[in-house]
C-alpha cells in the first residue's frame, strides 16, 4: 500500500517540473518579465546643469524609481529629442559600459544626457522642445519638455551632439 503514495508524489513532482519555465527567457513574447517598464517605475527629469551658450556642454539627469515588483535595467535608456518636425535618437555615450541593475520596490537608478548647446536658428542645430525616454527591453515611452535650448548637431539637426550615459544605482 505504500507504493501508491510514493507513485502519486513522484507523478506530482514530475508534473510540477514540466510546468516550469526553462528560465531562458525565450517565451513567445520575447520580453523578460523582470524588465523595468515605464508605468511600473516613475521617471523624473531632474535639475539640469544647463549649457549657457553655444558650444558649452550641459547635463540633464534622469532618475527612475521602481514602484512595483523587483525589476532589472539591462542596457541603455532610449532617448529621443524632438523639435520643429525633426526627431533625433541620442546614442549611448562612446565607451560607456552598462551593468545589469536590479531594482527592488523603492530603489532608484539614474542616467545622464550630456549635450552640446547649439546655435538658435542654425540648420545644423535641433531646436528641441521635448525629450522622450524608454527603458531597455520595453516599448513604452514617457515624454518631458526640453527646456535647455537648441542642441548642436553633428553636421545635421537629426544627428545631435548628445549622449546617453549608463544607469547608475542611486541612494545607499
Protein backbone atom coordinates (compact mmCIF):
# COMPACT_ATOMS: atom_id res chain seq x y z
CA UNK A 1 0.00 0.00 0.00
CA UNK A 2 2.95 2.33 0.35
CA UNK A 3 3.57 2.23 -3.41
CA UNK A 4 0.54 4.33 -4.24
CA UNK A 5 1.50 7.39 -2.10
CA UNK A 6 5.08 7.33 -3.49
CA UNK A 7 3.81 6.99 -7.06
CA UNK A 8 1.38 9.87 -6.58
CA UNK A 9 4.15 12.03 -5.07
CA UNK A 10 6.54 11.21 -7.91
CA UNK A 11 3.86 11.95 -10.50
CA UNK A 12 3.01 15.28 -8.86
CA UNK A 13 6.69 16.25 -8.80
CA UNK A 14 7.11 15.33 -12.47
CA UNK A 15 4.07 17.40 -13.44
CA UNK A 16 5.33 20.36 -11.42
CA UNK A 17 8.70 20.20 -13.14
CA UNK A 18 7.22 20.05 -16.63
CA UNK A 19 5.08 23.12 -15.83
CA UNK A 20 8.19 25.18 -15.01
CA UNK A 21 9.70 27.63 -17.47
CA UNK A 22 13.20 26.76 -18.63
CA UNK A 23 14.40 30.13 -17.28
CA UNK A 24 15.92 31.04 -20.62
CA UNK A 25 13.55 33.92 -21.26
CA UNK A 26 12.75 32.54 -24.71
CA UNK A 27 8.98 32.77 -24.35
CA UNK A 28 6.88 33.73 -27.34
CA UNK A 29 6.64 37.37 -26.23
CA UNK A 30 10.43 37.79 -26.33
CA UNK A 31 10.15 40.02 -23.24
CA UNK A 32 11.83 39.37 -19.93
CA UNK A 33 9.09 39.63 -17.31
CA UNK A 34 11.52 41.18 -14.82
CA UNK A 35 12.45 44.08 -17.10
CA UNK A 36 11.69 47.51 -15.63
CA UNK A 37 8.82 49.12 -17.53
CA UNK A 38 7.50 52.66 -17.89
CA UNK A 39 4.27 52.70 -15.92
CA UNK A 40 5.70 50.45 -13.21
CA UNK A 41 8.53 52.88 -12.45
CA UNK A 42 8.43 56.63 -12.04
CA UNK A 43 10.66 58.63 -14.36
CA UNK A 44 11.74 62.16 -13.50
CA UNK A 45 13.98 64.64 -15.26
CA UNK A 46 16.00 66.43 -12.62
CA UNK A 47 17.57 69.84 -12.37
CA UNK A 48 19.95 70.20 -15.26
CA UNK A 49 23.39 71.68 -15.47
CA UNK A 50 22.34 73.80 -18.45
CA UNK A 51 24.82 74.74 -21.18
CA UNK A 52 24.54 78.56 -21.11
CA UNK A 53 25.94 79.42 -24.55
CA UNK A 54 26.61 77.87 -27.94
CA UNK A 55 29.36 75.24 -27.75
CA UNK A 56 29.04 74.69 -24.00
CA UNK A 57 28.25 71.26 -22.58
CA UNK A 58 25.23 70.61 -20.39
CA UNK A 59 23.99 67.60 -18.48
CA UNK A 60 20.41 66.52 -17.80
CA UNK A 61 19.93 63.86 -15.09
CA UNK A 62 17.05 61.37 -15.35
CA UNK A 63 16.01 59.23 -12.39
CA UNK A 64 13.97 56.05 -12.33
CA UNK A 65 12.31 54.78 -9.14
CA UNK A 66 10.74 51.33 -9.04
CA UNK A 67 7.11 51.47 -7.86
CA UNK A 68 6.34 47.79 -8.30
CA UNK A 69 7.79 44.28 -8.10
CA UNK A 70 11.57 43.88 -8.41
CA UNK A 71 12.80 44.59 -11.93
CA UNK A 72 16.02 44.81 -13.93
CA UNK A 73 17.64 47.51 -16.05
CA UNK A 74 19.94 45.90 -18.61
CA UNK A 75 21.29 48.25 -21.27
CA UNK A 76 20.93 51.94 -22.06
CA UNK A 77 17.80 54.05 -21.87
CA UNK A 78 16.35 55.06 -25.22
CA UNK A 79 16.32 58.84 -25.64
CA UNK A 80 14.81 60.84 -28.48
CA UNK A 81 14.87 64.62 -28.87
CA UNK A 82 12.10 66.24 -30.92
CA UNK A 83 11.51 69.72 -32.21
CA UNK A 84 10.49 71.60 -35.34
CA UNK A 85 9.33 68.44 -37.11
CA UNK A 86 12.66 66.68 -36.51
CA UNK A 87 13.11 63.61 -34.33
CA UNK A 88 16.64 62.55 -33.35
CA UNK A 89 17.76 59.49 -31.42
CA UNK A 90 20.51 60.13 -28.86
CA UNK A 91 23.24 57.47 -28.95
CA UNK A 92 24.84 55.88 -25.89
CA UNK A 93 27.99 57.59 -24.62
CA UNK A 94 31.03 56.35 -26.51
CA UNK A 95 32.92 53.74 -24.48
CA UNK A 96 30.29 53.56 -21.74
CA UNK A 97 29.58 50.11 -20.36
CA UNK A 98 26.35 49.02 -18.74
CA UNK A 99 25.88 46.81 -15.72
CA UNK A 100 22.68 44.90 -15.07
CA UNK A 101 20.93 46.71 -12.22
CA UNK A 102 18.25 45.04 -10.13
CA UNK A 103 15.79 47.42 -8.52
CA UNK A 104 13.65 46.33 -5.59
CA UNK A 105 10.45 48.27 -4.92
CA UNK A 106 11.51 51.79 -3.89
CA UNK A 107 15.04 51.52 -5.34
CA UNK A 108 16.28 54.14 -7.80
CA UNK A 109 18.75 54.46 -10.64
CA UNK A 110 19.89 57.46 -12.66
CA UNK A 111 21.44 58.22 -16.02
CA UNK A 112 22.50 61.48 -17.61
CA UNK A 113 22.07 63.00 -21.02
CA UNK A 114 25.09 65.09 -21.97
CA UNK A 115 24.61 67.60 -24.78
CA UNK A 116 26.37 70.46 -26.56
CA UNK A 117 24.38 73.67 -26.84
CA UNK A 118 23.63 74.59 -30.43
CA UNK A 119 23.10 77.96 -32.02
CA UNK A 120 19.44 79.02 -32.12
CA UNK A 121 18.16 79.14 -35.69
CA UNK A 122 21.13 77.20 -37.12
CA UNK A 123 20.10 74.47 -39.58
CA UNK A 124 22.66 72.12 -38.03
CA UNK A 125 21.13 72.54 -34.57
CA UNK A 126 18.00 70.83 -33.28
CA UNK A 127 15.57 73.29 -31.70
CA UNK A 128 14.43 70.58 -29.30
CA UNK A 129 11.15 71.05 -27.44
CA UNK A 130 10.66 67.56 -26.00
CA UNK A 131 12.58 64.59 -24.69
CA UNK A 132 11.20 61.03 -24.90
CA UNK A 133 12.57 58.25 -22.68
CA UNK A 134 12.17 54.48 -22.97
CA UNK A 135 13.72 51.78 -20.82
CA UNK A 136 15.86 48.91 -22.15
CA UNK A 137 13.74 45.99 -23.33
CA UNK A 138 10.48 47.96 -23.27
CA UNK A 139 8.33 49.70 -25.85
CA UNK A 140 6.56 52.24 -23.63
CA UNK A 141 7.81 55.83 -23.59
CA UNK A 142 7.36 58.91 -21.47
CA UNK A 143 7.82 62.47 -22.76
CA UNK A 144 9.09 65.56 -20.99
CA UNK A 145 9.58 69.16 -22.09
CA UNK A 146 13.12 70.07 -23.22
CA UNK A 147 13.90 73.48 -21.71
CA UNK A 148 17.65 73.57 -22.25
CA UNK A 149 17.97 75.30 -25.62
CA UNK A 150 19.00 74.11 -29.06
CA UNK A 151 21.20 71.01 -29.31
CA UNK A 152 24.17 71.18 -31.66
CA UNK A 153 24.12 68.68 -34.46
CA UNK A 154 26.99 66.63 -35.82
CA UNK A 155 26.63 68.13 -39.29
CA UNK A 156 22.82 67.96 -39.22
CA UNK A 157 19.99 68.61 -36.77
CA UNK A 158 18.92 64.93 -36.80
CA UNK A 159 22.37 63.85 -35.55
CA UNK A 160 22.54 65.53 -32.13
CA UNK A 161 25.83 66.16 -30.37
CA UNK A 162 24.47 64.44 -27.28
CA UNK A 163 24.93 61.12 -25.49
CA UNK A 164 23.10 58.87 -23.04
CA UNK A 165 25.13 57.65 -20.07
CA UNK A 166 24.85 54.28 -18.36
CA UNK A 167 22.46 53.65 -15.48
CA UNK A 168 23.94 54.12 -12.02
CA UNK A 169 22.41 52.82 -8.79
CA UNK A 170 21.10 55.77 -6.75
CA UNK A 171 20.91 56.03 -2.99
CA UNK A 172 22.66 53.88 -0.42
